[in-house]
Amino acid sequence: MKCPYCSFPDSKVVDSRPADEGTSIRRRRECLHCGKRFTTYETVERMPLMLVKRDGARQPYSREKLLAGVMKACEKRPVPQQKLEQLVDNVEQRLFGALQPEISTRTVGEMVMDQLRTIDEVAYVRFASVYRQFKDINTFMEELNTLLRDK
């Protein structure tokens, strides 16, 4: 690891510990030339995941975009940010665990809705209305009736 202070190409690891709830390793390093210490993080490199949209277009998976959509559905609802992060973590674990290079946005949407249903029913209906593209009040009512029946 190259020293950020003097650019010497070699350093030694002084301390290692898990970080980010075990998803990465934090390492304290010491430069063998100038003696200064710095921190590095080691994470698993995930294979790129492509999402296949309804029209067949493909785009790279974006955690930020998924989280933004879930946050929009939960806007002005009593849902803690930590719960939303956990929801996205759960979806990502399933997506990357499938070891498929491409996955449909329909599958991702269903995963999100399954979890949102248990977190906040209003947020679930909001997300479903955009995701399933409710055309009129009848399709909206069908979804509400399904939600009430499942309860």
N, C-alpha and C. Protein backbone atom coordinates (compact mmCIF):
# COMPACT_ATOMS: atom_id res chain seq x y z
N MET A 1 0.86 -1.18 0.00
CA MET A 1 0.00 0.00 0.00
C MET A 1 0.90 1.23 0.00
N LYS A 2 0.67 2.12 -0.92
CA LYS A 2 1.47 3.32 -1.09
C LYS A 2 1.13 4.34 0.01
N CYS A 3 2.14 4.93 0.62
CA CYS A 3 1.96 5.92 1.68
C CYS A 3 1.36 7.21 1.11
N PRO A 4 0.27 7.72 1.72
CA PRO A 4 -0.33 8.95 1.22
C PRO A 4 0.51 10.20 1.51
N TYR A 5 1.51 10.08 2.38
CA TYR A 5 2.35 11.23 2.76
C TYR A 5 3.61 11.34 1.91
N CYS A 6 4.31 10.21 1.75
CA CYS A 6 5.59 10.27 1.03
C CYS A 6 5.62 9.40 -0.23
N SER A 7 4.54 8.70 -0.49
CA SER A 7 4.39 7.83 -1.67
C SER A 7 5.32 6.63 -1.69
N PHE A 8 5.89 6.29 -0.55
CA PHE A 8 6.72 5.09 -0.46
C PHE A 8 5.82 3.88 -0.71
N PRO A 9 6.27 2.92 -1.52
CA PRO A 9 5.38 1.83 -1.93
C PRO A 9 5.15 0.72 -0.89
N ASP A 10 5.77 0.82 0.28
CA ASP A 10 5.64 -0.28 1.24
C ASP A 10 5.24 0.22 2.62
N SER A 11 4.40 -0.55 3.28
CA SER A 11 3.96 -0.23 4.64
C SER A 11 3.69 -1.52 5.37
N LYS A 12 3.56 -1.40 6.69
CA LYS A 12 3.22 -2.60 7.47
C LYS A 12 1.89 -2.36 8.18
N VAL A 13 1.13 -3.44 8.38
CA VAL A 13 -0.14 -3.36 9.08
C VAL A 13 0.13 -3.38 10.57
N VAL A 14 -0.39 -2.37 11.28
CA VAL A 14 -0.20 -2.24 12.72
C VAL A 14 -1.40 -2.83 13.47
N ASP A 15 -2.61 -2.64 12.90
CA ASP A 15 -3.83 -3.09 13.57
C ASP A 15 -4.89 -3.37 12.51
N SER A 16 -5.67 -4.42 12.72
CA SER A 16 -6.80 -4.75 11.83
C SER A 16 -8.02 -5.03 12.68
N ARG A 17 -9.17 -4.57 12.21
CA ARG A 17 -10.43 -4.86 12.90
C ARG A 17 -11.58 -4.77 11.92
N PRO A 18 -12.67 -5.48 12.19
CA PRO A 18 -13.85 -5.39 11.31
C PRO A 18 -14.45 -3.99 11.36
N ALA A 19 -15.04 -3.58 10.25
CA ALA A 19 -15.70 -2.28 10.15
C ALA A 19 -17.00 -2.45 9.37
N ASP A 20 -17.87 -1.45 9.46
CA ASP A 20 -19.14 -1.46 8.72
C ASP A 20 -19.91 -2.75 8.93
N GLU A 21 -20.07 -3.11 10.19
CA GLU A 21 -20.82 -4.31 10.58
C GLU A 21 -20.29 -5.58 9.93
N GLY A 22 -18.98 -5.67 9.80
CA GLY A 22 -18.34 -6.87 9.28
C GLY A 22 -18.25 -6.94 7.77
N THR A 23 -18.65 -5.90 7.06
CA THR A 23 -18.59 -5.94 5.60
C THR A 23 -17.24 -5.46 5.05
N SER A 24 -16.41 -4.92 5.92
CA SER A 24 -15.07 -4.51 5.50
C SER A 24 -14.11 -4.64 6.67
N ILE A 25 -12.83 -4.47 6.38
CA ILE A 25 -11.79 -4.55 7.40
C ILE A 25 -11.04 -3.22 7.41
N ARG A 26 -10.93 -2.65 8.60
CA ARG A 26 -10.19 -1.40 8.78
C ARG A 26 -8.77 -1.76 9.18
N ARG A 27 -7.79 -1.22 8.47
CA ARG A 27 -6.39 -1.52 8.77
C ARG A 27 -5.63 -0.22 9.06
N ARG A 28 -4.92 -0.21 10.17
CA ARG A 28 -4.00 0.89 10.47
C ARG A 28 -2.64 0.45 9.94
N ARG A 29 -2.05 1.30 9.15
CA ARG A 29 -0.76 0.98 8.54
C ARG A 29 0.28 2.01 8.94
N GLU A 30 1.54 1.59 8.88
CA GLU A 30 2.66 2.48 9.15
C GLU A 30 3.62 2.41 7.98
N CYS A 31 3.97 3.59 7.46
CA CYS A 31 4.91 3.67 6.35
C CYS A 31 6.29 3.23 6.82
N LEU A 32 6.95 2.39 6.05
CA LEU A 32 8.28 1.91 6.42
C LEU A 32 9.37 2.94 6.10
N HIS A 33 9.00 4.01 5.40
CA HIS A 33 9.98 5.04 5.08
C HIS A 33 9.89 6.24 6.02
N CYS A 34 8.69 6.87 6.10
CA CYS A 34 8.55 8.10 6.90
C CYS A 34 7.98 7.83 8.31
N GLY A 35 7.43 6.63 8.54
CA GLY A 35 6.93 6.27 9.86
C GLY A 35 5.53 6.79 10.18
N LYS A 36 4.91 7.54 9.28
CA LYS A 36 3.57 8.05 9.55
C LYS A 36 2.55 6.93 9.39
N ARG A 37 1.44 7.10 10.13
CA ARG A 37 0.39 6.09 10.09
C ARG A 37 -0.81 6.59 9.29
N PHE A 38 -1.50 5.64 8.67
CA PHE A 38 -2.72 5.96 7.91
C PHE A 38 -3.65 4.76 7.95
N THR A 39 -4.90 5.00 7.57
CA THR A 39 -5.94 3.97 7.64
C THR A 39 -6.38 3.58 6.24
N THR A 40 -6.56 2.28 6.03
CA THR A 40 -7.13 1.79 4.78
C THR A 40 -8.31 0.88 5.12
N TYR A 41 -9.19 0.70 4.15
CA TYR A 41 -10.33 -0.20 4.30
C TYR A 41 -10.30 -1.23 3.19
N GLU A 42 -10.54 -2.47 3.56
CA GLU A 42 -10.57 -3.56 2.60
C GLU A 42 -12.00 -4.08 2.53
N THR A 43 -12.56 -4.13 1.31
CA THR A 43 -13.91 -4.63 1.11
C THR A 43 -13.91 -5.67 -0.01
N VAL A 44 -14.92 -6.48 -0.02
CA VAL A 44 -15.08 -7.48 -1.07
C VAL A 44 -15.51 -6.77 -2.34
N GLU A 45 -14.86 -7.08 -3.43
CA GLU A 45 -15.25 -6.50 -4.71
C GLU A 45 -16.39 -7.33 -5.28
N ARG A 46 -17.51 -6.67 -5.45
CA ARG A 46 -18.69 -7.37 -5.97
C ARG A 46 -18.69 -7.33 -7.48
N MET A 47 -19.24 -8.40 -8.05
CA MET A 47 -19.35 -8.41 -9.50
C MET A 47 -20.39 -7.37 -9.92
N PRO A 48 -20.21 -6.75 -11.08
CA PRO A 48 -21.18 -5.75 -11.52
C PRO A 48 -22.54 -6.40 -11.75
N LEU A 49 -23.58 -5.71 -11.35
CA LEU A 49 -24.94 -6.23 -11.50
C LEU A 49 -25.71 -5.28 -12.41
N MET A 50 -26.30 -5.83 -13.44
CA MET A 50 -27.09 -5.04 -14.38
C MET A 50 -28.57 -5.31 -14.14
N LEU A 51 -29.35 -4.24 -14.17
CA LEU A 51 -30.79 -4.34 -14.02
C LEU A 51 -31.42 -4.29 -15.41
N VAL A 52 -32.37 -5.19 -15.64
CA VAL A 52 -33.08 -5.22 -16.91
C VAL A 52 -34.44 -4.58 -16.67
N LYS A 53 -34.68 -3.45 -17.32
CA LYS A 53 -35.92 -2.71 -17.14
C LYS A 53 -37.04 -3.33 -17.97
N ARG A 54 -38.25 -2.85 -17.76
CA ARG A 54 -39.42 -3.40 -18.46
C ARG A 54 -39.29 -3.33 -19.97
N ASP A 55 -38.68 -2.26 -20.46
CA ASP A 55 -38.55 -2.09 -21.91
C ASP A 55 -37.33 -2.82 -22.49
N GLY A 56 -36.63 -3.58 -21.63
CA GLY A 56 -35.47 -4.34 -22.08
C GLY A 56 -34.15 -3.60 -21.94
N ALA A 57 -34.22 -2.31 -21.61
CA ALA A 57 -32.99 -1.54 -21.42
C ALA A 57 -32.25 -2.05 -20.19
N ARG A 58 -30.95 -1.91 -20.23
CA ARG A 58 -30.12 -2.36 -19.11
C ARG A 58 -29.39 -1.16 -18.51
N GLN A 59 -29.27 -1.20 -17.18
CA GLN A 59 -28.51 -0.15 -16.50
C GLN A 59 -27.85 -0.77 -15.28
N PRO A 60 -26.72 -0.21 -14.85
CA PRO A 60 -26.04 -0.76 -13.67
C PRO A 60 -26.87 -0.54 -12.40
N TYR A 61 -26.78 -1.51 -11.50
CA TYR A 61 -27.47 -1.40 -10.21
C TYR A 61 -26.88 -0.22 -9.43
N SER A 62 -27.75 0.53 -8.76
CA SER A 62 -27.31 1.66 -7.95
C SER A 62 -27.99 1.60 -6.59
N ARG A 63 -27.20 1.41 -5.56
CA ARG A 63 -27.74 1.39 -4.19
C ARG A 63 -28.41 2.73 -3.88
N GLU A 64 -27.78 3.82 -4.30
CA GLU A 64 -28.30 5.15 -4.01
C GLU A 64 -29.68 5.35 -4.63
N LYS A 65 -29.86 4.85 -5.84
CA LYS A 65 -31.14 5.00 -6.52
C LYS A 65 -32.23 4.18 -5.83
N LEU A 66 -31.89 2.98 -5.41
CA LEU A 66 -32.85 2.14 -4.69
C LEU A 66 -33.23 2.77 -3.36
N LEU A 67 -32.23 3.25 -2.63
CA LEU A 67 -32.49 3.88 -1.34
C LEU A 67 -33.34 5.15 -1.52
N ALA A 68 -33.07 5.92 -2.56
CA ALA A 68 -33.86 7.13 -2.82
C ALA A 68 -35.32 6.80 -3.08
N GLY A 69 -35.58 5.72 -3.81
CA GLY A 69 -36.95 5.31 -4.08
C GLY A 69 -37.68 4.88 -2.83
N VAL A 70 -36.99 4.15 -1.97
CA VAL A 70 -37.58 3.70 -0.71
C VAL A 70 -37.82 4.90 0.21
N MET A 71 -36.87 5.83 0.24
CA MET A 71 -37.03 7.03 1.07
C MET A 71 -38.21 7.87 0.59
N LYS A 72 -38.39 7.94 -0.70
CA LYS A 72 -39.51 8.71 -1.26
C LYS A 72 -40.84 8.09 -0.82
N ALA A 73 -40.92 6.76 -0.83
CA ALA A 73 -42.14 6.07 -0.40
C ALA A 73 -42.41 6.29 1.09
N CYS A 74 -41.35 6.46 1.87
CA CYS A 74 -41.47 6.61 3.32
C CYS A 74 -41.47 8.07 3.77
N GLU A 75 -41.51 8.98 2.81
CA GLU A 75 -41.49 10.41 3.13
C GLU A 75 -42.65 10.76 4.06
N LYS A 76 -42.32 11.49 5.13
CA LYS A 76 -43.28 11.94 6.14
C LYS A 76 -43.96 10.77 6.86
N ARG A 77 -43.28 9.66 6.92
CA ARG A 77 -43.76 8.49 7.65
C ARG A 77 -42.79 8.23 8.80
N PRO A 78 -43.27 7.62 9.90
CA PRO A 78 -42.40 7.38 11.06
C PRO A 78 -41.50 6.15 10.89
N VAL A 79 -40.70 6.18 9.83
CA VAL A 79 -39.79 5.06 9.55
C VAL A 79 -38.36 5.57 9.71
N PRO A 80 -37.60 4.99 10.66
CA PRO A 80 -36.22 5.45 10.86
C PRO A 80 -35.33 5.14 9.65
N GLN A 81 -34.38 6.01 9.41
CA GLN A 81 -33.43 5.85 8.30
C GLN A 81 -32.71 4.50 8.40
N GLN A 82 -32.41 4.09 9.62
CA GLN A 82 -31.70 2.82 9.84
C GLN A 82 -32.51 1.64 9.27
N LYS A 83 -33.83 1.69 9.40
CA LYS A 83 -34.69 0.62 8.87
C LYS A 83 -34.61 0.58 7.34
N LEU A 84 -34.54 1.76 6.73
CA LEU A 84 -34.46 1.83 5.28
C LEU A 84 -33.12 1.29 4.79
N GLU A 85 -32.06 1.65 5.50
CA GLU A 85 -30.73 1.13 5.15
C GLU A 85 -30.71 -0.39 5.27
N GLN A 86 -31.34 -0.92 6.33
CA GLN A 86 -31.39 -2.36 6.53
C GLN A 86 -32.19 -3.03 5.41
N LEU A 87 -33.28 -2.41 5.00
CA LEU A 87 -34.09 -2.95 3.90
C LEU A 87 -33.22 -3.07 2.64
N VAL A 88 -32.50 -2.00 2.31
CA VAL A 88 -31.65 -2.02 1.12
C VAL A 88 -30.53 -3.04 1.29
N ASP A 89 -29.96 -3.15 2.48
CA ASP A 89 -28.93 -4.18 2.74
C ASP A 89 -29.49 -5.57 2.47
N ASN A 90 -30.70 -5.84 2.94
CA ASN A 90 -31.33 -7.15 2.74
C ASN A 90 -31.56 -7.44 1.26
N VAL A 91 -32.04 -6.44 0.54
CA VAL A 91 -32.27 -6.62 -0.89
C VAL A 91 -30.95 -6.87 -1.60
N GLU A 92 -29.92 -6.09 -1.27
CA GLU A 92 -28.61 -6.28 -1.89
C GLU A 92 -28.04 -7.67 -1.60
N GLN A 93 -28.20 -8.13 -0.38
CA GLN A 93 -27.69 -9.46 -0.02
C GLN A 93 -28.33 -10.53 -0.90
N ARG A 94 -29.62 -10.40 -1.12
CA ARG A 94 -30.32 -11.37 -1.97
C ARG A 94 -29.90 -11.22 -3.43
N LEU A 95 -29.75 -9.99 -3.89
CA LEU A 95 -29.36 -9.76 -5.29
C LEU A 95 -27.98 -10.31 -5.59
N PHE A 96 -27.01 -9.94 -4.77
CA PHE A 96 -25.64 -10.38 -5.02
C PHE A 96 -25.44 -11.84 -4.65
N GLY A 97 -26.27 -12.35 -3.75
CA GLY A 97 -26.20 -13.77 -3.38
C GLY A 97 -26.69 -14.68 -4.49
N ALA A 98 -27.51 -14.14 -5.38
CA ALA A 98 -28.05 -14.94 -6.48
C ALA A 98 -26.97 -15.24 -7.53
N LEU A 99 -25.89 -14.49 -7.51
CA LEU A 99 -24.77 -14.67 -8.44
C LEU A 99 -25.19 -14.64 -9.90
N GLN A 100 -26.13 -13.76 -10.22
CA GLN A 100 -26.56 -13.57 -11.59
C GLN A 100 -26.07 -12.21 -12.06
N PRO A 101 -25.53 -12.13 -13.26
CA PRO A 101 -25.02 -10.84 -13.75
C PRO A 101 -26.14 -9.86 -14.10
N GLU A 102 -27.35 -10.37 -14.37
CA GLU A 102 -28.48 -9.50 -14.71
C GLU A 102 -29.71 -9.95 -13.92
N ILE A 103 -30.49 -8.97 -13.53
CA ILE A 103 -31.73 -9.26 -12.79
C ILE A 103 -32.77 -8.21 -13.19
N SER A 104 -34.02 -8.62 -13.24
CA SER A 104 -35.06 -7.70 -13.69
C SER A 104 -35.43 -6.71 -12.58
N THR A 105 -35.81 -5.52 -12.99
CA THR A 105 -36.26 -4.52 -12.01
C THR A 105 -37.54 -5.00 -11.34
N ARG A 106 -38.28 -5.84 -12.01
CA ARG A 106 -39.50 -6.41 -11.44
C ARG A 106 -39.16 -7.23 -10.18
N THR A 107 -38.11 -8.03 -10.26
CA THR A 107 -37.68 -8.84 -9.13
C THR A 107 -37.25 -7.95 -7.97
N VAL A 108 -36.48 -6.91 -8.28
CA VAL A 108 -36.02 -5.98 -7.24
C VAL A 108 -37.22 -5.30 -6.59
N GLY A 109 -38.16 -4.84 -7.41
CA GLY A 109 -39.36 -4.18 -6.89
C GLY A 109 -40.16 -5.08 -5.96
N GLU A 110 -40.30 -6.34 -6.33
CA GLU A 110 -41.03 -7.30 -5.49
C GLU A 110 -40.32 -7.51 -4.16
N MET A 111 -38.99 -7.59 -4.20
CA MET A 111 -38.22 -7.75 -2.96
C MET A 111 -38.45 -6.56 -2.03
N VAL A 112 -38.43 -5.37 -2.60
CA VAL A 112 -38.62 -4.16 -1.80
C VAL A 112 -40.04 -4.15 -1.22
N MET A 113 -41.02 -4.45 -2.04
CA MET A 113 -42.41 -4.41 -1.56
C MET A 113 -42.67 -5.44 -0.47
N ASP A 114 -42.07 -6.62 -0.58
CA ASP A 114 -42.23 -7.64 0.47
C ASP A 114 -41.77 -7.11 1.82
N GLN A 115 -40.66 -6.37 1.82
CA GLN A 115 -40.14 -5.85 3.08
C GLN A 115 -40.89 -4.60 3.54
N LEU A 116 -41.26 -3.74 2.60
CA LEU A 116 -41.98 -2.52 2.96
C LEU A 116 -43.33 -2.84 3.59
N ARG A 117 -43.95 -3.91 3.13
CA ARG A 117 -45.26 -4.30 3.66
C ARG A 117 -45.19 -4.50 5.17
N THR A 118 -44.08 -5.04 5.66
CA THR A 118 -43.95 -5.30 7.10
C THR A 118 -43.47 -4.08 7.88
N ILE A 119 -42.85 -3.13 7.19
CA ILE A 119 -42.31 -1.94 7.86
C ILE A 119 -43.36 -0.85 8.00
N ASP A 120 -44.04 -0.52 6.89
CA ASP A 120 -45.03 0.55 6.91
C ASP A 120 -45.98 0.36 5.74
N GLU A 121 -47.26 0.14 6.05
CA GLU A 121 -48.24 -0.16 5.02
C GLU A 121 -48.48 1.01 4.07
N VAL A 122 -48.45 2.23 4.59
CA VAL A 122 -48.65 3.40 3.74
C VAL A 122 -47.49 3.52 2.75
N ALA A 123 -46.28 3.34 3.24
CA ALA A 123 -45.10 3.39 2.37
C ALA A 123 -45.17 2.27 1.33
N TYR A 124 -45.65 1.11 1.74
CA TYR A 124 -45.81 -0.01 0.80
C TYR A 124 -46.76 0.38 -0.33
N VAL A 125 -47.91 0.95 0.01
CA VAL A 125 -48.89 1.33 -1.02
C VAL A 125 -48.33 2.42 -1.92
N ARG A 126 -47.59 3.36 -1.35
CA ARG A 126 -46.97 4.41 -2.17
C ARG A 126 -46.00 3.80 -3.17
N PHE A 127 -45.13 2.93 -2.67
CA PHE A 127 -44.13 2.30 -3.53
C PHE A 127 -44.83 1.46 -4.61
N ALA A 128 -45.82 0.69 -4.20
CA ALA A 128 -46.55 -0.17 -5.15
C ALA A 128 -47.25 0.65 -6.21
N SER A 129 -47.79 1.81 -5.84
CA SER A 129 -48.52 2.62 -6.81
C SER A 129 -47.61 3.12 -7.92
N VAL A 130 -46.37 3.42 -7.59
CA VAL A 130 -45.41 3.86 -8.60
C VAL A 130 -44.84 2.65 -9.33
N TYR A 131 -44.45 1.64 -8.59
CA TYR A 131 -43.83 0.46 -9.17
C TYR A 131 -44.78 -0.30 -10.10
N ARG A 132 -46.00 -0.49 -9.66
CA ARG A 132 -46.98 -1.24 -10.45
C ARG A 132 -47.77 -0.35 -11.40
N GLN A 133 -47.48 0.91 -11.40
CA GLN A 133 -48.09 1.88 -12.30
C GLN A 133 -49.61 1.78 -12.29
N PHE A 134 -50.19 2.03 -11.11
CA PHE A 134 -51.65 2.01 -10.99
C PHE A 134 -52.26 2.96 -12.01
N LYS A 135 -53.17 2.45 -12.81
CA LYS A 135 -53.78 3.25 -13.88
C LYS A 135 -55.00 4.04 -13.40
N ASP A 136 -55.71 3.47 -12.43
CA ASP A 136 -56.93 4.12 -11.95
C ASP A 136 -57.20 3.73 -10.50
N ILE A 137 -58.28 4.23 -9.96
CA ILE A 137 -58.62 3.99 -8.56
C ILE A 137 -58.94 2.52 -8.30
N ASN A 138 -59.44 1.80 -9.32
CA ASN A 138 -59.79 0.39 -9.14
C ASN A 138 -58.56 -0.47 -8.87
N THR A 139 -57.48 -0.25 -9.61
CA THR A 139 -56.27 -1.02 -9.36
C THR A 139 -55.67 -0.66 -8.00
N PHE A 140 -55.83 0.60 -7.62
CA PHE A 140 -55.38 1.04 -6.31
C PHE A 140 -56.17 0.32 -5.21
N MET A 141 -57.49 0.26 -5.39
CA MET A 141 -58.36 -0.41 -4.41
C MET A 141 -58.09 -1.91 -4.35
N GLU A 142 -57.77 -2.53 -5.48
CA GLU A 142 -57.43 -3.95 -5.49
C GLU A 142 -56.21 -4.22 -4.62
N GLU A 143 -55.21 -3.35 -4.74
CA GLU A 143 -54.00 -3.50 -3.93
C GLU A 143 -54.30 -3.32 -2.45
N LEU A 144 -55.12 -2.33 -2.13
CA LEU A 144 -55.52 -2.11 -0.74
C LEU A 144 -56.30 -3.30 -0.20
N ASN A 145 -57.21 -3.84 -0.98
CA ASN A 145 -57.99 -5.01 -0.55
C ASN A 145 -57.08 -6.22 -0.33
N THR A 146 -56.10 -6.39 -1.20
CA THR A 146 -55.13 -7.48 -1.01
C THR A 146 -54.36 -7.30 0.28
N LEU A 147 -53.96 -6.08 0.56
CA LEU A 147 -53.24 -5.77 1.78
C LEU A 147 -54.10 -6.07 3.01
N LEU A 148 -55.37 -5.67 2.97
CA LEU A 148 -56.28 -5.92 4.08
C LEU A 148 -56.57 -7.41 4.25
N ARG A 149 -56.71 -8.12 3.15
CA ARG A 149 -56.95 -9.57 3.21
C ARG A 149 -55.78 -10.31 3.84
N ASP A 150 -54.57 -9.91 3.48
CA ASP A 150 -53.36 -10.56 3.99
C ASP A 150 -53.16 -10.31 5.48
N LYS A 151 -53.75 -9.22 5.97
CA LYS A 151 -53.64 -8.89 7.38
C LYS A 151 -54.48 -9.85 8.16
